[in-house]
N, C-alpha and C. Protein backbone atom coordinates (compact mmCIF):
# COMPACT_ATOMS: atom_id res chain seq x y z
N MET A 1 -24.64 38.09 6.28
CA MET A 1 -23.95 37.76 7.53
C MET A 1 -23.17 36.46 7.34
N ALA A 2 -21.90 36.45 7.78
CA ALA A 2 -21.06 35.27 7.58
C ALA A 2 -21.52 34.14 8.47
N LYS A 3 -21.49 32.94 7.93
CA LYS A 3 -21.84 31.76 8.70
C LYS A 3 -20.70 31.40 9.63
N SER A 4 -21.04 30.82 10.77
CA SER A 4 -20.00 30.37 11.69
C SER A 4 -19.27 29.19 11.09
N ALA A 5 -18.00 28.97 11.56
CA ALA A 5 -17.18 27.88 11.02
C ALA A 5 -17.84 26.54 11.27
N SER A 6 -18.43 26.35 12.47
CA SER A 6 -19.03 25.07 12.79
C SER A 6 -20.24 24.80 11.91
N HIS A 7 -21.03 25.88 11.62
CA HIS A 7 -22.20 25.71 10.77
C HIS A 7 -21.78 25.38 9.34
N THR A 8 -20.73 26.10 8.86
CA THR A 8 -20.26 25.87 7.50
C THR A 8 -19.76 24.45 7.33
N LEU A 9 -19.00 23.96 8.29
CA LEU A 9 -18.44 22.61 8.18
C LEU A 9 -19.51 21.53 8.24
N SER A 10 -20.67 21.85 8.86
CA SER A 10 -21.70 20.84 9.00
C SER A 10 -22.78 20.95 7.92
N SER A 11 -22.61 21.84 6.97
CA SER A 11 -23.62 21.99 5.92
C SER A 11 -23.58 20.78 4.99
N PRO A 12 -24.72 20.44 4.39
CA PRO A 12 -24.76 19.27 3.48
C PRO A 12 -23.79 19.39 2.32
N GLN A 13 -23.62 20.61 1.80
CA GLN A 13 -22.70 20.80 0.67
C GLN A 13 -21.27 20.49 1.08
N ASP A 14 -20.87 20.95 2.27
CA ASP A 14 -19.51 20.70 2.73
C ASP A 14 -19.28 19.23 3.01
N ARG A 15 -20.29 18.57 3.57
CA ARG A 15 -20.16 17.13 3.84
C ARG A 15 -20.03 16.36 2.54
N ALA A 16 -20.82 16.75 1.54
CA ALA A 16 -20.75 16.08 0.23
C ALA A 16 -19.40 16.33 -0.43
N LEU A 17 -18.91 17.56 -0.31
CA LEU A 17 -17.61 17.90 -0.89
C LEU A 17 -16.49 17.10 -0.22
N GLU A 18 -16.56 17.00 1.11
CA GLU A 18 -15.54 16.24 1.84
C GLU A 18 -15.61 14.75 1.50
N ALA A 19 -16.83 14.22 1.39
CA ALA A 19 -16.98 12.81 1.00
C ALA A 19 -16.40 12.56 -0.39
N SER A 20 -16.65 13.49 -1.31
CA SER A 20 -16.11 13.36 -2.67
C SER A 20 -14.59 13.42 -2.65
N ARG A 21 -14.04 14.28 -1.80
CA ARG A 21 -12.59 14.39 -1.69
C ARG A 21 -11.98 13.09 -1.17
N GLN A 22 -12.63 12.50 -0.18
CA GLN A 22 -12.12 11.24 0.39
C GLN A 22 -12.18 10.11 -0.64
N VAL A 23 -13.28 10.05 -1.40
CA VAL A 23 -13.41 9.04 -2.45
C VAL A 23 -12.33 9.22 -3.51
N ALA A 24 -12.09 10.48 -3.89
CA ALA A 24 -11.06 10.77 -4.89
C ALA A 24 -9.68 10.35 -4.39
N LEU A 25 -9.40 10.59 -3.11
CA LEU A 25 -8.11 10.18 -2.53
C LEU A 25 -7.94 8.67 -2.59
N VAL A 26 -8.99 7.93 -2.23
CA VAL A 26 -8.92 6.47 -2.22
C VAL A 26 -8.74 5.94 -3.64
N VAL A 27 -9.53 6.46 -4.58
CA VAL A 27 -9.41 6.00 -5.97
C VAL A 27 -8.03 6.36 -6.52
N GLY A 28 -7.58 7.59 -6.26
CA GLY A 28 -6.26 8.01 -6.74
C GLY A 28 -5.14 7.15 -6.17
N ALA A 29 -5.26 6.79 -4.88
CA ALA A 29 -4.25 5.95 -4.25
C ALA A 29 -4.21 4.57 -4.88
N SER A 30 -5.38 4.02 -5.22
CA SER A 30 -5.40 2.71 -5.88
C SER A 30 -4.71 2.77 -7.24
N LEU A 31 -4.84 3.90 -7.92
CA LEU A 31 -4.19 4.06 -9.23
C LEU A 31 -2.68 4.25 -9.09
N VAL A 32 -2.24 4.88 -7.99
CA VAL A 32 -0.80 5.01 -7.73
C VAL A 32 -0.18 3.62 -7.58
N VAL A 33 -0.85 2.75 -6.83
CA VAL A 33 -0.34 1.38 -6.65
C VAL A 33 -0.33 0.65 -8.00
N ALA A 34 -1.35 0.88 -8.82
CA ALA A 34 -1.40 0.25 -10.14
C ALA A 34 -0.22 0.70 -11.01
N LEU A 35 0.11 1.99 -10.95
CA LEU A 35 1.26 2.50 -11.71
C LEU A 35 2.56 1.87 -11.20
N CYS A 36 2.69 1.78 -9.88
CA CYS A 36 3.88 1.17 -9.29
C CYS A 36 4.01 -0.30 -9.70
N ALA A 37 2.87 -0.97 -9.85
CA ALA A 37 2.89 -2.39 -10.23
C ALA A 37 3.49 -2.60 -11.62
N HIS A 38 3.44 -1.57 -12.45
CA HIS A 38 3.98 -1.69 -13.80
C HIS A 38 5.47 -1.36 -13.88
N VAL A 39 6.05 -0.96 -12.74
CA VAL A 39 7.51 -0.82 -12.66
C VAL A 39 8.02 -2.16 -12.13
N THR A 40 8.34 -3.05 -13.05
CA THR A 40 8.56 -4.46 -12.72
C THR A 40 9.81 -5.00 -13.40
N ILE A 41 10.56 -5.79 -12.64
CA ILE A 41 11.69 -6.53 -13.20
C ILE A 41 11.41 -8.02 -12.99
N PRO A 42 11.13 -8.77 -14.05
CA PRO A 42 10.88 -10.21 -13.90
C PRO A 42 12.16 -10.91 -13.42
N LEU A 43 12.01 -11.89 -12.56
CA LEU A 43 13.16 -12.66 -12.05
C LEU A 43 13.11 -14.12 -12.50
N LEU A 44 12.37 -14.38 -13.56
CA LEU A 44 12.36 -15.73 -14.13
C LEU A 44 13.73 -16.02 -14.72
N PRO A 45 14.21 -17.25 -14.66
CA PRO A 45 13.54 -18.47 -14.21
C PRO A 45 13.75 -18.75 -12.72
N PHE A 46 14.32 -17.80 -11.97
CA PHE A 46 14.64 -18.05 -10.56
C PHE A 46 13.38 -18.12 -9.69
N THR A 47 12.44 -17.19 -9.95
CA THR A 47 11.22 -17.14 -9.15
C THR A 47 10.11 -16.51 -9.99
N PRO A 48 8.86 -16.98 -9.81
CA PRO A 48 7.74 -16.35 -10.53
C PRO A 48 7.31 -15.03 -9.92
N VAL A 49 7.87 -14.66 -8.77
CA VAL A 49 7.54 -13.40 -8.10
C VAL A 49 8.46 -12.31 -8.65
N PRO A 50 7.90 -11.28 -9.31
CA PRO A 50 8.76 -10.24 -9.88
C PRO A 50 9.21 -9.23 -8.83
N LEU A 51 10.30 -8.55 -9.13
CA LEU A 51 10.73 -7.40 -8.33
C LEU A 51 9.97 -6.19 -8.85
N THR A 52 9.21 -5.54 -7.98
CA THR A 52 8.32 -4.48 -8.43
C THR A 52 8.28 -3.33 -7.43
N ALA A 53 7.87 -2.17 -7.90
CA ALA A 53 7.70 -1.01 -7.02
C ALA A 53 6.34 -1.01 -6.33
N GLN A 54 5.55 -2.05 -6.58
CA GLN A 54 4.20 -2.14 -6.03
C GLN A 54 4.18 -2.04 -4.50
N ASN A 55 5.10 -2.75 -3.85
CA ASN A 55 5.13 -2.72 -2.39
C ASN A 55 5.42 -1.31 -1.87
N LEU A 56 6.26 -0.57 -2.58
CA LEU A 56 6.53 0.82 -2.22
C LEU A 56 5.24 1.62 -2.26
N GLY A 57 4.45 1.42 -3.31
CA GLY A 57 3.17 2.12 -3.42
C GLY A 57 2.23 1.79 -2.27
N VAL A 58 2.19 0.51 -1.88
CA VAL A 58 1.32 0.09 -0.77
C VAL A 58 1.74 0.77 0.52
N LEU A 59 3.04 0.80 0.79
CA LEU A 59 3.54 1.45 2.01
C LEU A 59 3.22 2.94 2.00
N LEU A 60 3.44 3.59 0.86
CA LEU A 60 3.17 5.02 0.76
C LEU A 60 1.70 5.33 1.01
N VAL A 61 0.83 4.52 0.43
CA VAL A 61 -0.61 4.74 0.61
C VAL A 61 -0.98 4.61 2.09
N GLY A 62 -0.48 3.57 2.74
CA GLY A 62 -0.78 3.38 4.15
C GLY A 62 -0.24 4.50 5.02
N LEU A 63 1.01 4.88 4.80
CA LEU A 63 1.64 5.91 5.62
C LEU A 63 1.03 7.29 5.38
N MET A 64 0.68 7.59 4.14
CA MET A 64 0.23 8.94 3.81
C MET A 64 -1.27 9.13 3.99
N LEU A 65 -2.05 8.08 3.77
CA LEU A 65 -3.51 8.21 3.90
C LEU A 65 -4.04 7.73 5.24
N GLY A 66 -3.23 6.96 5.96
CA GLY A 66 -3.70 6.43 7.24
C GLY A 66 -4.34 5.06 7.09
N SER A 67 -4.70 4.48 8.22
CA SER A 67 -5.14 3.09 8.25
C SER A 67 -6.43 2.84 7.48
N ARG A 68 -7.46 3.62 7.73
CA ARG A 68 -8.76 3.33 7.12
C ARG A 68 -8.79 3.61 5.63
N ARG A 69 -8.30 4.78 5.24
CA ARG A 69 -8.29 5.10 3.80
C ARG A 69 -7.29 4.22 3.06
N GLY A 70 -6.17 3.89 3.73
CA GLY A 70 -5.20 2.99 3.11
C GLY A 70 -5.80 1.62 2.84
N PHE A 71 -6.52 1.09 3.84
CA PHE A 71 -7.19 -0.20 3.67
C PHE A 71 -8.19 -0.13 2.53
N ALA A 72 -9.00 0.94 2.50
CA ALA A 72 -10.02 1.09 1.45
C ALA A 72 -9.39 1.17 0.06
N ALA A 73 -8.29 1.92 -0.05
CA ALA A 73 -7.63 2.07 -1.35
C ALA A 73 -7.10 0.74 -1.88
N LEU A 74 -6.53 -0.07 -0.99
CA LEU A 74 -5.97 -1.34 -1.44
C LEU A 74 -7.04 -2.40 -1.66
N ALA A 75 -8.15 -2.31 -0.89
CA ALA A 75 -9.28 -3.21 -1.17
C ALA A 75 -9.86 -2.88 -2.54
N LEU A 76 -9.97 -1.58 -2.85
CA LEU A 76 -10.45 -1.16 -4.17
C LEU A 76 -9.49 -1.64 -5.25
N TYR A 77 -8.20 -1.53 -5.00
CA TYR A 77 -7.19 -1.98 -5.95
C TYR A 77 -7.38 -3.47 -6.29
N LEU A 78 -7.60 -4.29 -5.27
CA LEU A 78 -7.81 -5.72 -5.52
C LEU A 78 -9.09 -5.97 -6.31
N MET A 79 -10.13 -5.19 -6.04
CA MET A 79 -11.38 -5.34 -6.79
C MET A 79 -11.17 -4.94 -8.26
N GLU A 80 -10.40 -3.87 -8.46
CA GLU A 80 -10.09 -3.45 -9.84
C GLU A 80 -9.37 -4.56 -10.59
N GLY A 81 -8.40 -5.17 -9.92
CA GLY A 81 -7.67 -6.26 -10.56
C GLY A 81 -8.52 -7.49 -10.77
N ALA A 82 -9.37 -7.80 -9.81
CA ALA A 82 -10.20 -9.01 -9.90
C ALA A 82 -11.17 -8.95 -11.07
N VAL A 83 -11.65 -7.75 -11.41
CA VAL A 83 -12.58 -7.63 -12.54
C VAL A 83 -11.86 -7.51 -13.88
N GLY A 84 -10.53 -7.56 -13.86
CA GLY A 84 -9.78 -7.60 -15.10
C GLY A 84 -9.13 -6.30 -15.54
N LEU A 85 -9.23 -5.24 -14.73
CA LEU A 85 -8.52 -4.01 -15.09
C LEU A 85 -7.01 -4.25 -15.00
N PRO A 86 -6.23 -3.61 -15.87
CA PRO A 86 -4.78 -3.89 -15.93
C PRO A 86 -4.00 -3.18 -14.82
N VAL A 87 -4.29 -3.52 -13.57
CA VAL A 87 -3.66 -2.85 -12.44
C VAL A 87 -2.56 -3.69 -11.78
N PHE A 88 -2.55 -5.00 -12.06
CA PHE A 88 -1.53 -5.86 -11.47
C PHE A 88 -0.26 -5.82 -12.32
N SER A 89 0.80 -6.41 -11.78
CA SER A 89 2.06 -6.50 -12.53
C SER A 89 1.82 -7.19 -13.87
N PRO A 90 2.35 -6.62 -14.95
CA PRO A 90 2.11 -7.22 -16.28
C PRO A 90 2.82 -8.56 -16.48
N THR A 91 3.64 -8.99 -15.53
CA THR A 91 4.30 -10.30 -15.68
C THR A 91 3.36 -11.46 -15.36
N GLY A 92 2.20 -11.16 -14.77
CA GLY A 92 1.24 -12.21 -14.42
C GLY A 92 0.08 -12.27 -15.40
N PRO A 93 -0.84 -13.23 -15.19
CA PRO A 93 -1.96 -13.41 -16.11
C PRO A 93 -3.07 -12.39 -15.96
N GLY A 94 -3.08 -11.64 -14.85
CA GLY A 94 -4.12 -10.65 -14.61
C GLY A 94 -5.39 -11.28 -14.05
N GLY A 95 -6.27 -10.41 -13.53
CA GLY A 95 -7.56 -10.86 -13.04
C GLY A 95 -7.48 -11.81 -11.86
N ILE A 96 -8.53 -12.62 -11.73
CA ILE A 96 -8.61 -13.59 -10.63
C ILE A 96 -7.44 -14.56 -10.69
N ALA A 97 -7.01 -14.92 -11.89
CA ALA A 97 -5.90 -15.87 -12.03
C ALA A 97 -4.64 -15.36 -11.33
N GLN A 98 -4.43 -14.06 -11.35
CA GLN A 98 -3.25 -13.50 -10.68
C GLN A 98 -3.42 -13.54 -9.16
N LEU A 99 -4.65 -13.32 -8.70
CA LEU A 99 -4.92 -13.40 -7.26
C LEU A 99 -4.74 -14.82 -6.74
N LEU A 100 -4.98 -15.80 -7.59
CA LEU A 100 -4.87 -17.20 -7.17
C LEU A 100 -3.52 -17.82 -7.55
N GLY A 101 -2.67 -17.03 -8.21
CA GLY A 101 -1.36 -17.53 -8.63
C GLY A 101 -0.31 -17.39 -7.54
N PRO A 102 0.96 -17.60 -7.90
CA PRO A 102 2.04 -17.59 -6.90
C PRO A 102 2.18 -16.29 -6.12
N THR A 103 1.81 -15.15 -6.73
CA THR A 103 1.94 -13.86 -6.03
C THR A 103 0.66 -13.48 -5.29
N GLY A 104 -0.34 -14.36 -5.31
CA GLY A 104 -1.63 -14.04 -4.70
C GLY A 104 -1.57 -13.73 -3.23
N GLY A 105 -0.69 -14.41 -2.50
CA GLY A 105 -0.58 -14.15 -1.07
C GLY A 105 -0.12 -12.74 -0.77
N PHE A 106 0.79 -12.23 -1.58
CA PHE A 106 1.25 -10.85 -1.41
C PHE A 106 0.10 -9.88 -1.72
N LEU A 107 -0.58 -10.14 -2.83
CA LEU A 107 -1.66 -9.25 -3.25
C LEU A 107 -2.79 -9.19 -2.23
N MET A 108 -3.23 -10.35 -1.77
CA MET A 108 -4.41 -10.40 -0.91
C MET A 108 -4.20 -9.77 0.47
N VAL A 109 -2.93 -9.67 0.89
CA VAL A 109 -2.67 -9.07 2.20
C VAL A 109 -2.42 -7.55 2.11
N TYR A 110 -2.38 -7.01 0.88
CA TYR A 110 -2.10 -5.59 0.70
C TYR A 110 -2.99 -4.66 1.54
N PRO A 111 -4.31 -4.85 1.59
CA PRO A 111 -5.11 -3.93 2.41
C PRO A 111 -4.69 -3.92 3.88
N PHE A 112 -4.32 -5.08 4.40
CA PHE A 112 -3.91 -5.18 5.80
C PHE A 112 -2.52 -4.57 6.03
N VAL A 113 -1.67 -4.67 5.01
CA VAL A 113 -0.35 -4.06 5.07
C VAL A 113 -0.48 -2.53 5.14
N ALA A 114 -1.31 -1.98 4.25
CA ALA A 114 -1.54 -0.53 4.26
C ALA A 114 -2.17 -0.10 5.59
N PHE A 115 -3.12 -0.89 6.09
CA PHE A 115 -3.77 -0.56 7.36
C PHE A 115 -2.75 -0.53 8.49
N LEU A 116 -1.90 -1.54 8.56
CA LEU A 116 -0.93 -1.62 9.65
C LEU A 116 0.07 -0.47 9.60
N ALA A 117 0.59 -0.18 8.40
CA ALA A 117 1.53 0.94 8.26
C ALA A 117 0.89 2.24 8.70
N GLY A 118 -0.34 2.47 8.24
CA GLY A 118 -1.04 3.70 8.61
C GLY A 118 -1.39 3.77 10.08
N TYR A 119 -1.80 2.64 10.65
CA TYR A 119 -2.21 2.59 12.05
C TYR A 119 -1.05 2.96 12.98
N ILE A 120 0.12 2.42 12.68
CA ILE A 120 1.29 2.70 13.53
C ILE A 120 1.75 4.15 13.34
N PHE A 121 1.77 4.61 12.10
CA PHE A 121 2.32 5.93 11.82
C PHE A 121 1.41 7.06 12.31
N GLU A 122 0.09 6.82 12.29
CA GLU A 122 -0.81 7.91 12.66
C GLU A 122 -0.91 8.10 14.18
N ARG A 123 -0.25 7.25 14.95
CA ARG A 123 -0.24 7.38 16.40
C ARG A 123 1.12 7.89 16.86
N GLY A 124 1.14 9.01 17.54
CA GLY A 124 2.41 9.56 18.01
C GLY A 124 3.00 10.56 17.02
N THR A 125 4.25 10.94 17.27
CA THR A 125 4.91 11.93 16.43
C THR A 125 5.17 11.34 15.05
N LYS A 126 5.08 12.18 14.03
CA LYS A 126 5.27 11.74 12.65
C LYS A 126 6.76 11.81 12.29
N SER A 127 7.55 11.01 13.00
CA SER A 127 9.00 11.02 12.78
C SER A 127 9.39 9.97 11.74
N PHE A 128 10.60 10.14 11.21
CA PHE A 128 11.12 9.16 10.25
C PHE A 128 11.24 7.79 10.91
N LEU A 129 11.67 7.75 12.17
CA LEU A 129 11.83 6.47 12.86
C LEU A 129 10.49 5.75 12.98
N ARG A 130 9.44 6.49 13.36
CA ARG A 130 8.13 5.85 13.48
C ARG A 130 7.65 5.34 12.11
N ALA A 131 7.87 6.14 11.08
CA ALA A 131 7.46 5.73 9.73
C ALA A 131 8.24 4.49 9.28
N ALA A 132 9.53 4.46 9.60
CA ALA A 132 10.36 3.31 9.21
C ALA A 132 9.92 2.04 9.96
N ILE A 133 9.62 2.18 11.25
CA ILE A 133 9.15 1.02 12.02
C ILE A 133 7.80 0.55 11.49
N ALA A 134 6.92 1.50 11.17
CA ALA A 134 5.62 1.15 10.60
C ALA A 134 5.79 0.40 9.28
N GLY A 135 6.69 0.91 8.43
CA GLY A 135 6.95 0.25 7.16
C GLY A 135 7.56 -1.13 7.33
N LEU A 136 8.48 -1.25 8.27
CA LEU A 136 9.13 -2.55 8.50
C LEU A 136 8.13 -3.59 9.00
N LEU A 137 7.29 -3.22 9.97
CA LEU A 137 6.30 -4.17 10.49
C LEU A 137 5.27 -4.53 9.42
N ALA A 138 4.91 -3.55 8.59
CA ALA A 138 3.98 -3.82 7.49
C ALA A 138 4.62 -4.78 6.48
N GLU A 139 5.92 -4.62 6.22
CA GLU A 139 6.62 -5.53 5.30
C GLU A 139 6.67 -6.96 5.87
N ILE A 140 6.86 -7.07 7.18
CA ILE A 140 6.86 -8.40 7.81
C ILE A 140 5.51 -9.07 7.59
N LEU A 141 4.43 -8.30 7.76
CA LEU A 141 3.09 -8.84 7.50
C LEU A 141 2.94 -9.23 6.04
N LEU A 142 3.44 -8.38 5.15
CA LEU A 142 3.36 -8.66 3.71
C LEU A 142 4.03 -9.98 3.36
N PHE A 143 5.25 -10.16 3.85
CA PHE A 143 5.98 -11.38 3.50
C PHE A 143 5.43 -12.60 4.23
N ALA A 144 4.84 -12.40 5.40
CA ALA A 144 4.18 -13.52 6.07
C ALA A 144 3.03 -14.04 5.21
N GLY A 145 2.25 -13.12 4.66
CA GLY A 145 1.16 -13.51 3.77
C GLY A 145 1.66 -14.15 2.49
N GLY A 146 2.65 -13.51 1.87
CA GLY A 146 3.18 -14.03 0.61
C GLY A 146 3.83 -15.39 0.74
N LEU A 147 4.63 -15.56 1.79
CA LEU A 147 5.34 -16.83 1.99
C LEU A 147 4.39 -17.95 2.40
N THR A 148 3.36 -17.61 3.17
CA THR A 148 2.36 -18.63 3.54
C THR A 148 1.67 -19.16 2.29
N TRP A 149 1.33 -18.26 1.38
CA TRP A 149 0.68 -18.65 0.13
C TRP A 149 1.63 -19.51 -0.73
N LEU A 150 2.89 -19.10 -0.80
CA LEU A 150 3.87 -19.90 -1.56
C LEU A 150 4.09 -21.27 -0.92
N TYR A 151 4.00 -21.34 0.39
CA TYR A 151 4.13 -22.64 1.07
C TYR A 151 2.99 -23.57 0.66
N VAL A 152 1.79 -23.01 0.50
CA VAL A 152 0.65 -23.82 0.03
C VAL A 152 0.95 -24.39 -1.36
N PHE A 153 1.63 -23.61 -2.19
CA PHE A 153 1.98 -24.06 -3.54
C PHE A 153 3.10 -25.11 -3.52
N THR A 154 4.10 -24.89 -2.67
CA THR A 154 5.32 -25.71 -2.74
C THR A 154 5.40 -26.79 -1.66
N HIS A 155 4.65 -26.65 -0.57
CA HIS A 155 4.71 -27.56 0.58
C HIS A 155 6.11 -27.62 1.18
N SER A 156 6.85 -26.51 1.04
CA SER A 156 8.22 -26.45 1.57
C SER A 156 8.52 -25.02 2.00
N LEU A 157 8.86 -24.84 3.30
CA LEU A 157 9.22 -23.51 3.78
C LEU A 157 10.48 -22.99 3.11
N ALA A 158 11.43 -23.89 2.90
CA ALA A 158 12.69 -23.49 2.27
C ALA A 158 12.44 -23.01 0.84
N LYS A 159 11.60 -23.74 0.12
CA LYS A 159 11.30 -23.36 -1.26
C LYS A 159 10.51 -22.05 -1.31
N ALA A 160 9.57 -21.89 -0.38
CA ALA A 160 8.80 -20.66 -0.32
C ALA A 160 9.71 -19.47 -0.05
N ALA A 161 10.66 -19.62 0.87
CA ALA A 161 11.60 -18.54 1.19
C ALA A 161 12.50 -18.24 0.00
N TYR A 162 12.91 -19.28 -0.72
CA TYR A 162 13.76 -19.09 -1.90
C TYR A 162 13.00 -18.30 -2.96
N LEU A 163 11.74 -18.65 -3.19
CA LEU A 163 10.97 -18.01 -4.25
C LEU A 163 10.49 -16.61 -3.87
N GLY A 164 10.18 -16.40 -2.58
CA GLY A 164 9.49 -15.17 -2.23
C GLY A 164 10.16 -14.26 -1.23
N LEU A 165 11.41 -14.60 -0.81
CA LEU A 165 12.04 -13.76 0.21
C LEU A 165 13.45 -13.33 -0.16
N TYR A 166 14.34 -14.28 -0.37
CA TYR A 166 15.77 -13.98 -0.48
C TYR A 166 16.09 -12.98 -1.58
N TRP A 167 15.38 -13.06 -2.70
CA TRP A 167 15.67 -12.18 -3.84
C TRP A 167 15.28 -10.73 -3.57
N PHE A 168 14.49 -10.50 -2.52
CA PHE A 168 13.85 -9.20 -2.35
C PHE A 168 14.30 -8.40 -1.13
N LEU A 169 15.10 -9.00 -0.26
CA LEU A 169 15.42 -8.36 1.03
C LEU A 169 16.05 -6.98 0.87
N ALA A 170 17.09 -6.88 0.06
CA ALA A 170 17.78 -5.59 -0.09
C ALA A 170 16.84 -4.53 -0.67
N ALA A 171 16.07 -4.90 -1.68
CA ALA A 171 15.16 -3.95 -2.31
C ALA A 171 14.08 -3.50 -1.34
N GLU A 172 13.60 -4.41 -0.48
CA GLU A 172 12.53 -4.05 0.45
C GLU A 172 13.03 -3.08 1.52
N VAL A 173 14.28 -3.24 1.95
CA VAL A 173 14.85 -2.29 2.92
C VAL A 173 14.87 -0.88 2.30
N ILE A 174 15.28 -0.81 1.04
CA ILE A 174 15.32 0.48 0.35
C ILE A 174 13.92 1.07 0.24
N LYS A 175 12.92 0.22 -0.07
CA LYS A 175 11.54 0.69 -0.21
C LYS A 175 11.02 1.23 1.12
N VAL A 176 11.31 0.54 2.21
CA VAL A 176 10.86 1.00 3.53
C VAL A 176 11.46 2.36 3.85
N MET A 177 12.76 2.52 3.62
CA MET A 177 13.43 3.79 3.91
C MET A 177 12.88 4.92 3.03
N LEU A 178 12.67 4.61 1.75
CA LEU A 178 12.16 5.60 0.82
C LEU A 178 10.74 6.02 1.19
N ALA A 179 9.89 5.04 1.49
CA ALA A 179 8.51 5.35 1.88
C ALA A 179 8.48 6.16 3.17
N ALA A 180 9.32 5.80 4.13
CA ALA A 180 9.37 6.52 5.40
C ALA A 180 9.81 7.96 5.18
N GLY A 181 10.81 8.16 4.34
CA GLY A 181 11.29 9.52 4.06
C GLY A 181 10.24 10.38 3.38
N ILE A 182 9.57 9.82 2.37
CA ILE A 182 8.54 10.57 1.64
C ILE A 182 7.37 10.89 2.56
N ALA A 183 6.91 9.90 3.32
CA ALA A 183 5.75 10.11 4.19
C ALA A 183 6.04 11.12 5.29
N THR A 184 7.22 11.05 5.87
CA THR A 184 7.58 11.99 6.94
C THR A 184 7.62 13.41 6.41
N ARG A 185 8.21 13.57 5.24
CA ARG A 185 8.31 14.89 4.63
C ARG A 185 6.93 15.43 4.27
N TRP A 186 6.09 14.57 3.69
CA TRP A 186 4.75 14.96 3.27
C TRP A 186 3.89 15.32 4.47
N ARG A 187 3.91 14.48 5.51
CA ARG A 187 3.11 14.75 6.71
C ARG A 187 3.60 16.03 7.39
N GLY A 188 4.92 16.24 7.42
CA GLY A 188 5.48 17.45 8.02
C GLY A 188 5.03 18.69 7.27
N GLY A 189 5.03 18.60 5.94
CA GLY A 189 4.56 19.71 5.11
C GLY A 189 3.09 19.99 5.31
N ALA A 190 2.29 18.93 5.46
CA ALA A 190 0.85 19.10 5.68
C ALA A 190 0.58 19.77 7.01
N VAL A 191 1.34 19.39 8.03
CA VAL A 191 1.17 20.00 9.36
C VAL A 191 1.55 21.47 9.32
N ARG A 192 2.67 21.80 8.64
CA ARG A 192 3.09 23.20 8.55
C ARG A 192 2.05 24.05 7.81
N SER A 193 1.45 23.49 6.77
CA SER A 193 0.42 24.22 6.02
C SER A 193 -0.80 24.48 6.89
N ALA A 194 -1.17 23.47 7.69
CA ALA A 194 -2.33 23.62 8.58
C ALA A 194 -2.09 24.68 9.63
N VAL A 195 -0.84 24.74 10.15
CA VAL A 195 -0.50 25.73 11.18
C VAL A 195 -0.56 27.13 10.59
N LYS A 196 -0.08 27.30 9.35
CA LYS A 196 -0.09 28.63 8.71
C LYS A 196 -1.51 29.13 8.49
N GLN A 197 -2.42 28.18 8.21
CA GLN A 197 -3.81 28.58 7.98
C GLN A 197 -4.46 28.98 9.30
């Protein structure tokens, strides 16, 4: 006799399988950000902050996995880097030294950036506009964290903005639009698949 859907979903095996799937998603997302971190263009001697695809990865994780899993994935990413795994941009020293270096403010706020992007996008219609607004607000949070950290290093708002903002504005707009487009398409495809089932 076939089990009811509610009974099947509540079985210990299904709960364990779902928990494993969620863990795999979080770990996989942390590795996606690590891969993006290695797509890097150093901007020395102008600034110690490199131009990287890492921020794109953070936005994608937040938009596609949602607030809680996005936060978990980026918290895991920071732990991986802190213990010395090669997940940060190769232009830095790696490990704790990278977290405490000039780019540390950007890195340490990543879980909150992913959370904010996911939190905004998962509420309401999954439109490109909502995804773009979520990405833009998350980027504002990202740069607030990064520039605050650079201000601690330089004791100058102008210097912090020079090192951590001006060089990146055009690229960040492109990243927000790209992340919004990918997330909207992916979420739309996921919804259509669910409806067909």
